[in-house]
Amino acid sequence: MKNEVSPLGTEKPEGPFVLLTLVGDGFIFDERHEIIRINGRPKQVGVKRNYFESDLGEGKAKYWTLDINEAQVFPSIDAATEQLCKLSRPHMIKIRKLTQEIK
């Protein structure tokens, strides 16, 4: 019997999207006064989500906000990725789909 493989396809994720990074109030140290690391990243206290707010252009200031309502919203994954590539340390920044909580 021949194994049939169904054809694969791709699908573009639907937006809107925001960029976020995690910021903390300080690092956690062990008894030897060394920074505790998890998966190579320093463990921090008081970690909060910090959302991308605006960009003043190439080589100019980038602004971040703790308020998701002030975050820049990207209509597509491509637009979010394009902005991500312009930022320093993109490996520390995540793209997340924006959702509306129903109360």
PDB file of N, CA and C in Angstrom:
ATOM      1  N   MET A   1       0.839  -1.176   0.000  1.00  0.00           N
ATOM      2  CA  MET A   1       0.000   0.000   0.000  1.00  0.00           C
ATOM      3  C   MET A   1       0.887   1.243   0.000  1.00  0.00           C
ATOM      4  N   LYS A   2       0.562   2.151  -0.820  1.00  0.00           N
ATOM      5  CA  LYS A   2       1.339   3.367  -0.982  1.00  0.00           C
ATOM      6  C   LYS A   2       0.853   4.428   0.014  1.00  0.00           C
ATOM      7  N   ASN A   3       1.822   5.062   0.708  1.00  0.00           N
ATOM      8  CA  ASN A   3       1.465   6.158   1.614  1.00  0.00           C
ATOM      9  C   ASN A   3       1.216   7.420   0.799  1.00  0.00           C
ATOM     10  N   GLU A   4       0.041   7.972   0.981  1.00  0.00           N
ATOM     11  CA  GLU A   4      -0.276   9.210   0.285  1.00  0.00           C
ATOM     12  C   GLU A   4      -0.106  10.372   1.249  1.00  0.00           C
ATOM     13  N   VAL A   5       0.597  11.364   0.802  1.00  0.00           N
ATOM     14  CA  VAL A   5       0.811  12.557   1.607  1.00  0.00           C
ATOM     15  C   VAL A   5      -0.113  13.643   1.085  1.00  0.00           C
ATOM     16  N   SER A   6      -0.891  14.192   1.993  1.00  0.00           N
ATOM     17  CA  SER A   6      -1.765  15.276   1.563  1.00  0.00           C
ATOM     18  C   SER A   6      -0.922  16.521   1.315  1.00  0.00           C
ATOM     19  N   PRO A   7      -1.292  17.298   0.331  1.00  0.00           N
ATOM     20  CA  PRO A   7      -0.507  18.494   0.020  1.00  0.00           C
ATOM     21  C   PRO A   7      -0.559  19.497   1.175  1.00  0.00           C
ATOM     22  N   LEU A   8       0.572  20.089   1.447  1.00  0.00           N
ATOM     23  CA  LEU A   8       0.650  21.107   2.484  1.00  0.00           C
ATOM     24  C   LEU A   8       0.415  22.474   1.875  1.00  0.00           C
ATOM     25  N   GLY A   9      -0.010  23.380   2.691  1.00  0.00           N
ATOM     26  CA  GLY A   9      -0.207  24.751   2.236  1.00  0.00           C
ATOM     27  C   GLY A   9       0.197  25.711   3.341  1.00  0.00           C
ATOM     28  N   THR A  10       0.080  26.960   3.071  1.00  0.00           N
ATOM     29  CA  THR A  10       0.368  27.969   4.088  1.00  0.00           C
ATOM     30  C   THR A  10      -0.813  28.913   4.205  1.00  0.00           C
ATOM     31  N   GLU A  11      -0.862  29.583   5.327  1.00  0.00           N
ATOM     32  CA  GLU A  11      -1.928  30.536   5.570  1.00  0.00           C
ATOM     33  C   GLU A  11      -1.340  31.723   6.313  1.00  0.00           C
ATOM     34  N   LYS A  12      -1.619  32.905   5.844  1.00  0.00           N
ATOM     35  CA  LYS A  12      -1.110  34.111   6.484  1.00  0.00           C
ATOM     36  C   LYS A  12      -1.928  34.388   7.747  1.00  0.00           C
ATOM     37  N   PRO A  13      -1.258  34.605   8.897  1.00  0.00           N
ATOM     38  CA  PRO A  13      -1.991  34.903  10.129  1.00  0.00           C
ATOM     39  C   PRO A  13      -2.765  36.216   9.999  1.00  0.00           C
ATOM     40  N   GLU A  14      -3.955  36.229  10.542  1.00  0.00           N
ATOM     41  CA  GLU A  14      -4.803  37.421  10.519  1.00  0.00           C
ATOM     42  C   GLU A  14      -4.452  38.321  11.693  1.00  0.00           C
ATOM     43  N   GLY A  15      -4.423  39.627  11.462  1.00  0.00           N
ATOM     44  CA  GLY A  15      -4.083  40.611  12.495  1.00  0.00           C
ATOM     45  C   GLY A  15      -5.295  41.039  13.274  1.00  0.00           C
ATOM     46  N   PRO A  16      -5.163  42.047  14.066  1.00  0.00           N
ATOM     47  CA  PRO A  16      -4.040  42.963  14.218  1.00  0.00           C
ATOM     48  C   PRO A  16      -2.974  42.418  15.176  1.00  0.00           C
ATOM     49  N   PHE A  17      -1.772  43.020  15.099  1.00  0.00           N
ATOM     50  CA  PHE A  17      -0.639  42.564  15.899  1.00  0.00           C
ATOM     51  C   PHE A  17       0.020  43.725  16.638  1.00  0.00           C
ATOM     52  N   VAL A  18       0.711  43.402  17.723  1.00  0.00           N
ATOM     53  CA  VAL A  18       1.529  44.364  18.462  1.00  0.00           C
ATOM     54  C   VAL A  18       2.900  43.736  18.698  1.00  0.00           C
ATOM     55  N   LEU A  19       3.887  44.590  18.973  1.00  0.00           N
ATOM     56  CA  LEU A  19       5.220  44.128  19.353  1.00  0.00           C
ATOM     57  C   LEU A  19       5.361  44.311  20.854  1.00  0.00           C
ATOM     58  N   LEU A  20       5.960  43.327  21.524  1.00  0.00           N
ATOM     59  CA  LEU A  20       6.166  43.475  22.957  1.00  0.00           C
ATOM     60  C   LEU A  20       7.483  42.868  23.385  1.00  0.00           C
ATOM     61  N   THR A  21       7.976  43.386  24.473  1.00  0.00           N
ATOM     62  CA  THR A  21       9.164  42.847  25.114  1.00  0.00           C
ATOM     63  C   THR A  21       8.898  42.843  26.612  1.00  0.00           C
ATOM     64  N   LEU A  22       9.624  42.038  27.333  1.00  0.00           N
ATOM     65  CA  LEU A  22       9.435  41.956  28.779  1.00  0.00           C
ATOM     66  C   LEU A  22      10.528  42.754  29.472  1.00  0.00           C
ATOM     67  N   VAL A  23      10.129  43.570  30.447  1.00  0.00           N
ATOM     68  CA  VAL A  23      11.091  44.356  31.225  1.00  0.00           C
ATOM     69  C   VAL A  23      10.877  44.064  32.700  1.00  0.00           C
ATOM     70  N   GLY A  24      11.974  44.051  33.441  1.00  0.00           N
ATOM     71  CA  GLY A  24      11.891  43.771  34.869  1.00  0.00           C
ATOM     72  C   GLY A  24      12.503  44.876  35.700  1.00  0.00           C
ATOM     73  N   ASP A  25      12.260  44.798  37.013  1.00  0.00           N
ATOM     74  CA  ASP A  25      12.770  45.801  37.949  1.00  0.00           C
ATOM     75  C   ASP A  25      14.194  45.505  38.395  1.00  0.00           C
ATOM     76  N   GLY A  26      14.648  44.298  38.189  1.00  0.00           N
ATOM     77  CA  GLY A  26      15.997  43.933  38.616  1.00  0.00           C
ATOM     78  C   GLY A  26      16.208  42.445  38.441  1.00  0.00           C
ATOM     79  N   PHE A  27      17.424  42.008  38.677  1.00  0.00           N
ATOM     80  CA  PHE A  27      17.775  40.609  38.490  1.00  0.00           C
ATOM     81  C   PHE A  27      17.716  39.847  39.803  1.00  0.00           C
ATOM     82  N   ILE A  28      17.532  38.536  39.710  1.00  0.00           N
ATOM     83  CA  ILE A  28      17.530  37.659  40.883  1.00  0.00           C
ATOM     84  C   ILE A  28      18.912  37.025  40.985  1.00  0.00           C
ATOM     85  N   PHE A  29      19.483  37.088  42.184  1.00  0.00           N
ATOM     86  CA  PHE A  29      20.829  36.560  42.428  1.00  0.00           C
ATOM     87  C   PHE A  29      20.763  35.330  43.321  1.00  0.00           C
ATOM     88  N   ASP A  30      21.736  34.433  43.158  1.00  0.00           N
ATOM     89  CA  ASP A  30      21.829  33.255  44.023  1.00  0.00           C
ATOM     90  C   ASP A  30      22.709  33.576  45.235  1.00  0.00           C
ATOM     91  N   GLU A  31      22.964  32.551  46.056  1.00  0.00           N
ATOM     92  CA  GLU A  31      23.740  32.757  47.285  1.00  0.00           C
ATOM     93  C   GLU A  31      25.186  33.165  47.014  1.00  0.00           C
ATOM     94  N   ARG A  32      25.679  32.930  45.798  1.00  0.00           N
ATOM     95  CA  ARG A  32      27.047  33.345  45.428  1.00  0.00           C
ATOM     96  C   ARG A  32      27.047  34.716  44.756  1.00  0.00           C
ATOM     97  N   HIS A  33      25.902  35.388  44.786  1.00  0.00           N
ATOM     98  CA  HIS A  33      25.732  36.721  44.203  1.00  0.00           C
ATOM     99  C   HIS A  33      25.902  36.718  42.687  1.00  0.00           C
ATOM    100  N   GLU A  34      25.562  35.599  42.053  1.00  0.00           N
ATOM    101  CA  GLU A  34      25.573  35.508  40.596  1.00  0.00           C
ATOM    102  C   GLU A  34      24.134  35.561  40.094  1.00  0.00           C
ATOM    103  N   ILE A  35      23.960  36.154  38.927  1.00  0.00           N
ATOM    104  CA  ILE A  35      22.622  36.270  38.350  1.00  0.00           C
ATOM    105  C   ILE A  35      22.107  34.888  37.981  1.00  0.00           C
ATOM    106  N   ILE A  36      20.883  34.593  38.415  1.00  0.00           N
ATOM    107  CA  ILE A  36      20.242  33.326  38.056  1.00  0.00           C
ATOM    108  C   ILE A  36      19.756  33.435  36.615  1.00  0.00           C
ATOM    109  N   ARG A  37      20.057  32.415  35.818  1.00  0.00           N
ATOM    110  CA  ARG A  37      19.654  32.395  34.413  1.00  0.00           C
ATOM    111  C   ARG A  37      18.769  31.187  34.140  1.00  0.00           C
ATOM    112  N   ILE A  38      17.762  31.401  33.308  1.00  0.00           N
ATOM    113  CA  ILE A  38      16.901  30.324  32.848  1.00  0.00           C
ATOM    114  C   ILE A  38      16.961  30.351  31.325  1.00  0.00           C
ATOM    115  N   ASN A  39      17.358  29.233  30.731  1.00  0.00           N
ATOM    116  CA  ASN A  39      17.546  29.142  29.276  1.00  0.00           C
ATOM    117  C   ASN A  39      18.472  30.245  28.766  1.00  0.00           C
ATOM    118  N   GLY A  40      19.484  30.578  29.545  1.00  0.00           N
ATOM    119  CA  GLY A  40      20.470  31.569  29.133  1.00  0.00           C
ATOM    120  C   GLY A  40      20.082  33.016  29.376  1.00  0.00           C
ATOM    121  N   ARG A  41      18.837  33.244  29.783  1.00  0.00           N
ATOM    122  CA  ARG A  41      18.372  34.613  30.024  1.00  0.00           C
ATOM    123  C   ARG A  41      18.320  34.898  31.521  1.00  0.00           C
ATOM    124  N   PRO A  42      18.734  36.099  31.924  1.00  0.00           N
ATOM    125  CA  PRO A  42      18.702  36.441  33.350  1.00  0.00           C
ATOM    126  C   PRO A  42      17.274  36.454  33.891  1.00  0.00           C
ATOM    127  N   LYS A  43      17.081  35.865  35.048  1.00  0.00           N
ATOM    128  CA  LYS A  43      15.781  35.852  35.722  1.00  0.00           C
ATOM    129  C   LYS A  43      15.584  37.212  36.385  1.00  0.00           C
ATOM    130  N   GLN A  44      14.411  37.815  36.187  1.00  0.00           N
ATOM    131  CA  GLN A  44      14.137  39.146  36.725  1.00  0.00           C
ATOM    132  C   GLN A  44      12.931  39.143  37.649  1.00  0.00           C
ATOM    133  N   VAL A  45      12.838  40.177  38.480  1.00  0.00           N
ATOM    134  CA  VAL A  45      11.676  40.375  39.347  1.00  0.00           C
ATOM    135  C   VAL A  45      10.840  41.514  38.781  1.00  0.00           C
ATOM    136  N   GLY A  46       9.560  41.510  39.098  1.00  0.00           N
ATOM    137  CA  GLY A  46       8.678  42.587  38.662  1.00  0.00           C
ATOM    138  C   GLY A  46       8.584  42.710  37.155  1.00  0.00           C
ATOM    139  N   VAL A  47       8.494  41.592  36.455  1.00  0.00           N
ATOM    140  CA  VAL A  47       8.474  41.603  34.986  1.00  0.00           C
ATOM    141  C   VAL A  47       7.120  42.116  34.478  1.00  0.00           C
ATOM    142  N   LYS A  48       7.200  43.031  33.506  1.00  0.00           N
ATOM    143  CA  LYS A  48       5.998  43.615  32.897  1.00  0.00           C
ATOM    144  C   LYS A  48       6.130  43.557  31.377  1.00  0.00           C
ATOM    145  N   ARG A  49       4.990  43.592  30.712  1.00  0.00           N
ATOM    146  CA  ARG A  49       4.989  43.656  29.247  1.00  0.00           C
ATOM    147  C   ARG A  49       5.162  45.111  28.824  1.00  0.00           C
ATOM    148  N   ASN A  50       6.069  45.340  27.897  1.00  0.00           N
ATOM    149  CA  ASN A  50       6.353  46.669  27.382  1.00  0.00           C
ATOM    150  C   ASN A  50       6.046  46.646  25.889  1.00  0.00           C
ATOM    151  N   TYR A  51       5.089  47.466  25.433  1.00  0.00           N
ATOM    152  CA  TYR A  51       4.605  47.433  24.055  1.00  0.00           C
ATOM    153  C   TYR A  51       5.237  48.535  23.211  1.00  0.00           C
ATOM    154  N   PHE A  52       5.542  48.208  21.947  1.00  0.00           N
ATOM    155  CA  PHE A  52       6.083  49.200  21.022  1.00  0.00           C
ATOM    156  C   PHE A  52       5.023  50.257  20.761  1.00  0.00           C
ATOM    157  N   GLU A  53       5.435  51.540  20.896  1.00  0.00           N
ATOM    158  CA  GLU A  53       4.490  52.642  20.711  1.00  0.00           C
ATOM    159  C   GLU A  53       4.740  53.414  19.413  1.00  0.00           C
ATOM    160  N   SER A  54       5.985  53.845  19.182  1.00  0.00           N
ATOM    161  CA  SER A  54       6.253  54.616  17.970  1.00  0.00           C
ATOM    162  C   SER A  54       7.742  54.635  17.644  1.00  0.00           C
ATOM    163  N   ASP A  55       8.014  55.019  16.414  1.00  0.00           N
ATOM    164  CA  ASP A  55       9.373  55.050  15.878  1.00  0.00           C
ATOM    165  C   ASP A  55       9.543  56.394  15.180  1.00  0.00           C
ATOM    166  N   LEU A  56      10.562  57.158  15.566  1.00  0.00           N
ATOM    167  CA  LEU A  56      10.785  58.463  14.945  1.00  0.00           C
ATOM    168  C   LEU A  56      11.665  58.391  13.705  1.00  0.00           C
ATOM    169  N   GLY A  57      11.991  57.173  13.257  1.00  0.00           N
ATOM    170  CA  GLY A  57      12.758  57.022  12.028  1.00  0.00           C
ATOM    171  C   GLY A  57      14.097  56.346  12.240  1.00  0.00           C
ATOM    172  N   GLU A  58      14.792  56.139  11.139  1.00  0.00           N
ATOM    173  CA  GLU A  58      16.094  55.459  11.124  1.00  0.00           C
ATOM    174  C   GLU A  58      17.085  56.157  12.050  1.00  0.00           C
ATOM    175  N   GLY A  59      17.628  55.423  12.993  1.00  0.00           N
ATOM    176  CA  GLY A  59      18.613  55.967  13.917  1.00  0.00           C
ATOM    177  C   GLY A  59      18.040  56.918  14.954  1.00  0.00           C
ATOM    178  N   LYS A  60      16.728  57.057  14.990  1.00  0.00           N
ATOM    179  CA  LYS A  60      16.064  57.965  15.937  1.00  0.00           C
ATOM    180  C   LYS A  60      15.455  57.159  17.078  1.00  0.00           C
ATOM    181  N   ALA A  61      14.835  57.863  18.000  1.00  0.00           N
ATOM    182  CA  ALA A  61      14.264  57.243  19.201  1.00  0.00           C
ATOM    183  C   ALA A  61      13.115  56.297  18.869  1.00  0.00           C
ATOM    184  N   LYS A  62      13.029  55.240  19.668  1.00  0.00           N
ATOM    185  CA  LYS A  62      11.921  54.291  19.617  1.00  0.00           C
ATOM    186  C   LYS A  62      11.231  54.383  20.977  1.00  0.00           C
ATOM    187  N   TYR A  63       9.932  54.452  20.989  1.00  0.00           N
ATOM    188  CA  TYR A  63       9.206  54.604  22.243  1.00  0.00           C
ATOM    189  C   TYR A  63       8.417  53.347  22.567  1.00  0.00           C
ATOM    190  N   TRP A  64       8.379  53.021  23.850  1.00  0.00           N
ATOM    191  CA  TRP A  64       7.682  51.849  24.353  1.00  0.00           C
ATOM    192  C   TRP A  64       6.733  52.287  25.461  1.00  0.00           C
ATOM    193  N   THR A  65       5.658  51.544  25.678  1.00  0.00           N
ATOM    194  CA  THR A  65       4.673  51.884  26.692  1.00  0.00           C
ATOM    195  C   THR A  65       4.243  50.625  27.442  1.00  0.00           C
ATOM    196  N   LEU A  66       3.875  50.797  28.700  1.00  0.00           N
ATOM    197  CA  LEU A  66       3.343  49.683  29.486  1.00  0.00           C
ATOM    198  C   LEU A  66       1.839  49.519  29.257  1.00  0.00           C
ATOM    199  N   ASP A  67       1.215  50.506  28.611  1.00  0.00           N
ATOM    200  CA  ASP A  67      -0.229  50.502  28.369  1.00  0.00           C
ATOM    201  C   ASP A  67      -0.516  49.951  26.970  1.00  0.00           C
ATOM    202  N   ILE A  68      -1.158  48.803  26.914  1.00  0.00           N
ATOM    203  CA  ILE A  68      -1.455  48.172  25.619  1.00  0.00           C
ATOM    204  C   ILE A  68      -2.347  49.052  24.746  1.00  0.00           C
ATOM    205  N   ASN A  69      -3.156  49.920  25.368  1.00  0.00           N
ATOM    206  CA  ASN A  69      -4.030  50.810  24.605  1.00  0.00           C
ATOM    207  C   ASN A  69      -3.253  51.883  23.844  1.00  0.00           C
ATOM    208  N   GLU A  70      -2.007  52.131  24.228  1.00  0.00           N
ATOM    209  CA  GLU A  70      -1.168  53.118  23.551  1.00  0.00           C
ATOM    210  C   GLU A  70      -0.217  52.468  22.539  1.00  0.00           C
ATOM    211  N   ALA A  71      -0.263  51.153  22.436  1.00  0.00           N
ATOM    212  CA  ALA A  71       0.644  50.428  21.540  1.00  0.00           C
ATOM    213  C   ALA A  71       0.294  50.684  20.081  1.00  0.00           C
ATOM    214  N   GLN A  72       1.323  50.699  19.237  1.00  0.00           N
ATOM    215  CA  GLN A  72       1.086  50.791  17.800  1.00  0.00           C
ATOM    216  C   GLN A  72       0.530  49.452  17.336  1.00  0.00           C
ATOM    217  N   VAL A  73      -0.550  49.501  16.578  1.00  0.00           N
ATOM    218  CA  VAL A  73      -1.199  48.290  16.088  1.00  0.00           C
ATOM    219  C   VAL A  73      -0.827  48.101  14.618  1.00  0.00           C
ATOM    220  N   PHE A  74      -0.379  46.900  14.290  1.00  0.00           N
ATOM    221  CA  PHE A  74       0.014  46.571  12.924  1.00  0.00           C
ATOM    222  C   PHE A  74      -1.094  45.727  12.296  1.00  0.00           C
ATOM    223  N   PRO A  75      -1.561  46.105  11.100  1.00  0.00           N
ATOM    224  CA  PRO A  75      -2.677  45.391  10.484  1.00  0.00           C
ATOM    225  C   PRO A  75      -2.326  43.995   9.982  1.00  0.00           C
ATOM    226  N   SER A  76      -1.033  43.767   9.724  1.00  0.00           N
ATOM    227  CA  SER A  76      -0.635  42.465   9.181  1.00  0.00           C
ATOM    228  C   SER A  76       0.641  41.977   9.849  1.00  0.00           C
ATOM    229  N   ILE A  77       0.888  40.686   9.754  1.00  0.00           N
ATOM    230  CA  ILE A  77       2.114  40.098  10.295  1.00  0.00           C
ATOM    231  C   ILE A  77       3.324  40.649   9.542  1.00  0.00           C
ATOM    232  N   ASP A  78       3.146  40.956   8.258  1.00  0.00           N
ATOM    233  CA  ASP A  78       4.243  41.509   7.464  1.00  0.00           C
ATOM    234  C   ASP A  78       4.650  42.894   7.964  1.00  0.00           C
ATOM    235  N   ALA A  79       3.667  43.742   8.287  1.00  0.00           N
ATOM    236  CA  ALA A  79       3.961  45.087   8.797  1.00  0.00           C
ATOM    237  C   ALA A  79       4.655  45.005  10.155  1.00  0.00           C
ATOM    238  N   ALA A  80       4.201  44.100  11.014  1.00  0.00           N
ATOM    239  CA  ALA A  80       4.826  43.923  12.329  1.00  0.00           C
ATOM    240  C   ALA A  80       6.257  43.416  12.181  1.00  0.00           C
ATOM    241  N   THR A  81       6.469  42.478  11.272  1.00  0.00           N
ATOM    242  CA  THR A  81       7.806  41.927  11.045  1.00  0.00           C
ATOM    243  C   THR A  81       8.743  42.983  10.473  1.00  0.00           C
ATOM    244  N   GLU A  82       8.236  43.813   9.576  1.00  0.00           N
ATOM    245  CA  GLU A  82       9.051  44.884   8.995  1.00  0.00           C
ATOM    246  C   GLU A  82       9.549  45.829  10.088  1.00  0.00           C
ATOM    247  N   GLN A  83       8.666  46.212  11.011  1.00  0.00           N
ATOM    248  CA  GLN A  83       9.079  47.088  12.112  1.00  0.00           C
ATOM    249  C   GLN A  83      10.045  46.363  13.044  1.00  0.00           C
ATOM    250  N   LEU A  84       9.773  45.112  13.330  1.00  0.00           N
ATOM    251  CA  LEU A  84      10.641  44.320  14.203  1.00  0.00           C
ATOM    252  C   LEU A  84      12.080  44.309  13.680  1.00  0.00           C
ATOM    253  N   CYS A  85      12.234  44.180  12.377  1.00  0.00           N
ATOM    254  CA  CYS A  85      13.572  44.127  11.771  1.00  0.00           C
ATOM    255  C   CYS A  85      14.327  45.445  11.897  1.00  0.00           C
ATOM    256  N   LYS A  86      13.630  46.542  12.138  1.00  0.00           N
ATOM    257  CA  LYS A  86      14.263  47.855  12.282  1.00  0.00           C
ATOM    258  C   LYS A  86      14.735  48.119  13.711  1.00  0.00           C
ATOM    259  N   LEU A  87      14.322  47.294  14.654  1.00  0.00           N
ATOM    260  CA  LEU A  87      14.627  47.534  16.062  1.00  0.00           C
ATOM    261  C   LEU A  87      15.906  46.829  16.490  1.00  0.00           C
ATOM    262  N   SER A  88      16.538  47.374  17.516  1.00  0.00           N
ATOM    263  CA  SER A  88      17.727  46.704  18.052  1.00  0.00           C
ATOM    264  C   SER A  88      17.283  45.532  18.918  1.00  0.00           C
ATOM    265  N   ARG A  89      18.074  44.516  18.969  1.00  0.00           N
ATOM    266  CA  ARG A  89      17.815  43.278  19.713  1.00  0.00           C
ATOM    267  C   ARG A  89      16.450  42.661  19.380  1.00  0.00           C
ATOM    268  N   PRO A  90      16.177  42.411  18.091  1.00  0.00           N
ATOM    269  CA  PRO A  90      14.877  41.846  17.717  1.00  0.00           C
ATOM    270  C   PRO A  90      14.615  40.475  18.334  1.00  0.00           C
ATOM    271  N   HIS A  91      15.666  39.768  18.717  1.00  0.00           N
ATOM    272  CA  HIS A  91      15.481  38.454  19.336  1.00  0.00           C
ATOM    273  C   HIS A  91      14.824  38.566  20.713  1.00  0.00           C
ATOM    274  N   MET A  92      14.777  39.768  21.290  1.00  0.00           N
ATOM    275  CA  MET A  92      14.157  39.977  22.599  1.00  0.00           C
ATOM    276  C   MET A  92      12.711  40.478  22.475  1.00  0.00           C
ATOM    277  N   ILE A  93      12.240  40.657  21.231  1.00  0.00           N
ATOM    278  CA  ILE A  93      10.918  41.232  20.980  1.00  0.00           C
ATOM    279  C   ILE A  93      10.024  40.168  20.359  1.00  0.00           C
ATOM    280  N   LYS A  94       8.764  40.169  20.789  1.00  0.00           N
ATOM    281  CA  LYS A  94       7.807  39.182  20.296  1.00  0.00           C
ATOM    282  C   LYS A  94       6.683  39.883  19.531  1.00  0.00           C
ATOM    283  N   ILE A  95       6.129  39.186  18.554  1.00  0.00           N
ATOM    284  CA  ILE A  95       4.936  39.651  17.848  1.00  0.00           C
ATOM    285  C   ILE A  95       3.765  38.873  18.430  1.00  0.00           C
ATOM    286  N   ARG A  96       2.732  39.595  18.838  1.00  0.00           N
ATOM    287  CA  ARG A  96       1.557  38.944  19.410  1.00  0.00           C
ATOM    288  C   ARG A  96       0.291  39.481  18.752  1.00  0.00           C
ATOM    289  N   LYS A  97      -0.675  38.587  18.582  1.00  0.00           N
ATOM    290  CA  LYS A  97      -1.972  38.977  18.036  1.00  0.00           C
ATOM    291  C   LYS A  97      -2.733  39.747  19.107  1.00  0.00           C
ATOM    292  N   LEU A  98      -3.331  40.848  18.714  1.00  0.00           N
ATOM    293  CA  LEU A  98      -4.123  41.671  19.618  1.00  0.00           C
ATOM    294  C   LEU A  98      -5.527  41.086  19.697  1.00  0.00           C
ATOM    295  N   THR A  99      -6.005  40.857  20.906  1.00  0.00           N
ATOM    296  CA  THR A  99      -7.346  40.305  21.095  1.00  0.00           C
ATOM    297  C   THR A  99      -8.168  41.231  21.974  1.00  0.00           C
ATOM    298  N   GLN A 100      -9.459  41.119  21.875  1.00  0.00           N
ATOM    299  CA  GLN A 100     -10.382  41.922  22.671  1.00  0.00           C
ATOM    300  C   GLN A 100     -11.000  41.028  23.733  1.00  0.00           C
ATOM    301  N   GLU A 101     -10.820  41.406  24.997  1.00  0.00           N
ATOM    302  CA  GLU A 101     -11.435  40.634  26.081  1.00  0.00           C
ATOM    303  C   GLU A 101     -12.893  41.035  26.212  1.00  0.00           C
ATOM    304  N   ILE A 102     -13.756  40.040  26.307  1.00  0.00           N
ATOM    305  CA  ILE A 102     -15.187  40.294  26.482  1.00  0.00           C
ATOM    306  C   ILE A 102     -15.518  40.124  27.954  1.00  0.00           C
ATOM    307  N   LYS A 103     -16.112  41.163  28.534  1.00  0.00           N
ATOM    308  CA  LYS A 103     -16.446  41.112  29.972  1.00  0.00           C
ATOM    309  C   LYS A 103     -17.919  40.914  30.183  1.00  0.00           C
TER     310      LYS A 103
END
